[in-house]
Every structure is written in structure tokens, then in C-alpha cells.
Amino acid sequence: RDLSNEQKSEFITAVQCLQRLPGKSNGHQGAKTRFDDFQALHVLMSQKVHLLGQFLPWHRRILNVFEMALRQECGYQGSIPYWDWSRDVDSGLPLSESPVFDAVYGFGGNGVDVPNYAGQFGNLTLLSSAGWVPPDSGGGCVPDGPFASYQLNVGPGTNVTSHCLQRAINDELRGFLSGEKVGEVMQQPTFETFRVQLEGAPVTETMRLHDGGHNIVGGEMADNFSSPGDPLFYLHHAFLDKLWWEWVGINFTARIDDISGRTMAQLPYVNVTMDFELDMMMLAPTVTIREVMDTRNPLLCYIYQ
């Protein structure tokens, strides 16, 4: 909302540049372009970085590596913008009217209507207990905006197919993303409760900010594995990263090294530590959680406005 049209265009142009460049991941998960590389990484790492202690640090690192690719390979001089969806939700207007979905200076709008849409695999009804309800429209290919003609080569899910970007904007889920819900998460006393209440189901009874944001956009974004196929993935996770940094800032001395949670879903459980390594596989060197805890350090070197 606060970027100039020129700044918006520069970011979108840089993303389109990555979509034209040949991939460097040796075709992992069918990746053909540099943009595909990051989607493939997320597919391969998804079960190792969600609902676990390394969730937020790992996603901070992928944002960092994606931003470096935009700068070093596409001449981008800005930063990854974040999307504060709570401002759109609290405005009372339909989400599709958010500036982020603008067809010229945004990322394009909703997908074409698919009757009785319930996700790319028809399985989103499984989330009904967490608050998912069918969207009023959408589900098909996004027909407008800068990414309407781009063919993804990774996904959906763990599949390897050539397919369009799909969305199913779902205003029925806006209650999970209000400013009030953001405030509740920011009041959590420990990293563990903060992480859990931010990430959401199935650890929590209903969706929270992370899964709510993915599902309110729908389509590719609603897939646990291949969600980076929608460029909005990076704006969504940048906002979650901002909330984490601001939560740390509430009590910086105590929270700058506050990390917790399991490192794996199966036995034997091992708790995460500051020395846990954040694997970027084929895209970047491994770093530790310690190296990404302070966004102002030489590796990351950014602040939020």
C-alpha cells in the first residue's frame, strides 16, 4: 500500500526476470527457471520446516536468498515488500479490491470460477474443522496481471506439471487475519507460543495468521508444498517475518536468542537450538539459526518500516 507505483513495478519486473532465467537446481522437482528453483526448494523441504521450531528462521533465510537472487541476477535495488493483509481485512472492502491484486501495479486478481472448488486436489474440505469454507468464486487460472501467462513447472503439491497460476480468493476466511488477531499473536509471552499461534493448524484448533494467509489467497498459495509458485508467497512471509522481528523488539534482550520447538515430526524428537542448520539445498550455503536471528547483521542487513 505504501510503495510508489514505480517501486511496485520494479519488484514485479525483477520477479519476472527470475521467471525467464534458466534454473540452477539441476531440474529438482521439474524446475526450469530461477523462479522455479525456489518453489522446488520449498517442495523438497516442506515437511522439514513446517510445524517445527525452525519454521520462522528457515523462511527468513529463503526470503534472504530470494532477495539476493533478485538483486544479483536481475539488477533489483529494492527489498522484498511485505503485504499487511490485516489492513485490507480491517478496511471492510472485499479482499479482491486490495492494491496487491491490482492488474497493473499488483499481482493480478482472482482465478476464473471453478464450480464447487475445494482446492487443487479437492481436499481442502479436510480443513473444515480449522475454519475453511468454500470460496464464493475463483479456483482457476489467474486471467490478468503480470503473471497471467506464466507457466509454473513445479507442483501443484509434489507433482511435476506445467500449469498456470491459480487463485481462489476467499473472503470467508478474513476473520483469521484481522488486526485484532495480529494483536493476539503479538501478546504471546514466549517464542514457542508465538510460533504456534502464528503458524496455526493442526497444532491450533483453527487457522491462524500463517495458514489463514495462504488459504485466503487459495489456489497455488494454499498448497503446503508448492505455495511459492504464487509470488504473493514472498510478500506474505515477509509480513510474518516482520511480526516476528517486532515481537522480538518488545523485549529484545530476552527474545533475541529465544528459540524452541522440535526439529522433526517423528521420533526421536530433538529440540531446536541456535546452532541448528538452515538447509537451502542447491540454492545457497547452509547457515545456522544464530546467523539469522538479528535482521541487522551483515548476512541479512535489513530493517522493517
Foldseek 3Di string as FASTA:
>chain_A
DPDDLVLLVLVLVLLVQQLPAAPDPVCQQHGGGSLLLLLSLLLVCLQQQAPWLNVLLLLLVSLLLVQVCSCPVVVRDDHQAADQCQVVLVVVDQSQPDPQQDQESHAHGAAAFDPPDQAPVNPVVVQVQQPDDAAPGWFHQRCGHDQRPRWHQHDDRSHGDTGHFGWRQHSSLSVQRHPVLLVVLLPDDAPVSNSDQARAPPVDRHGHLNQSVQPNGGYSSNGSRRNSVRVNVSNSSVVVSQSLVVSCVVPVVVHLQGTWGFSHDDPPTDIDHQQDWNDSDSRDDIDGNVVPSDCCDPSRNDHDD
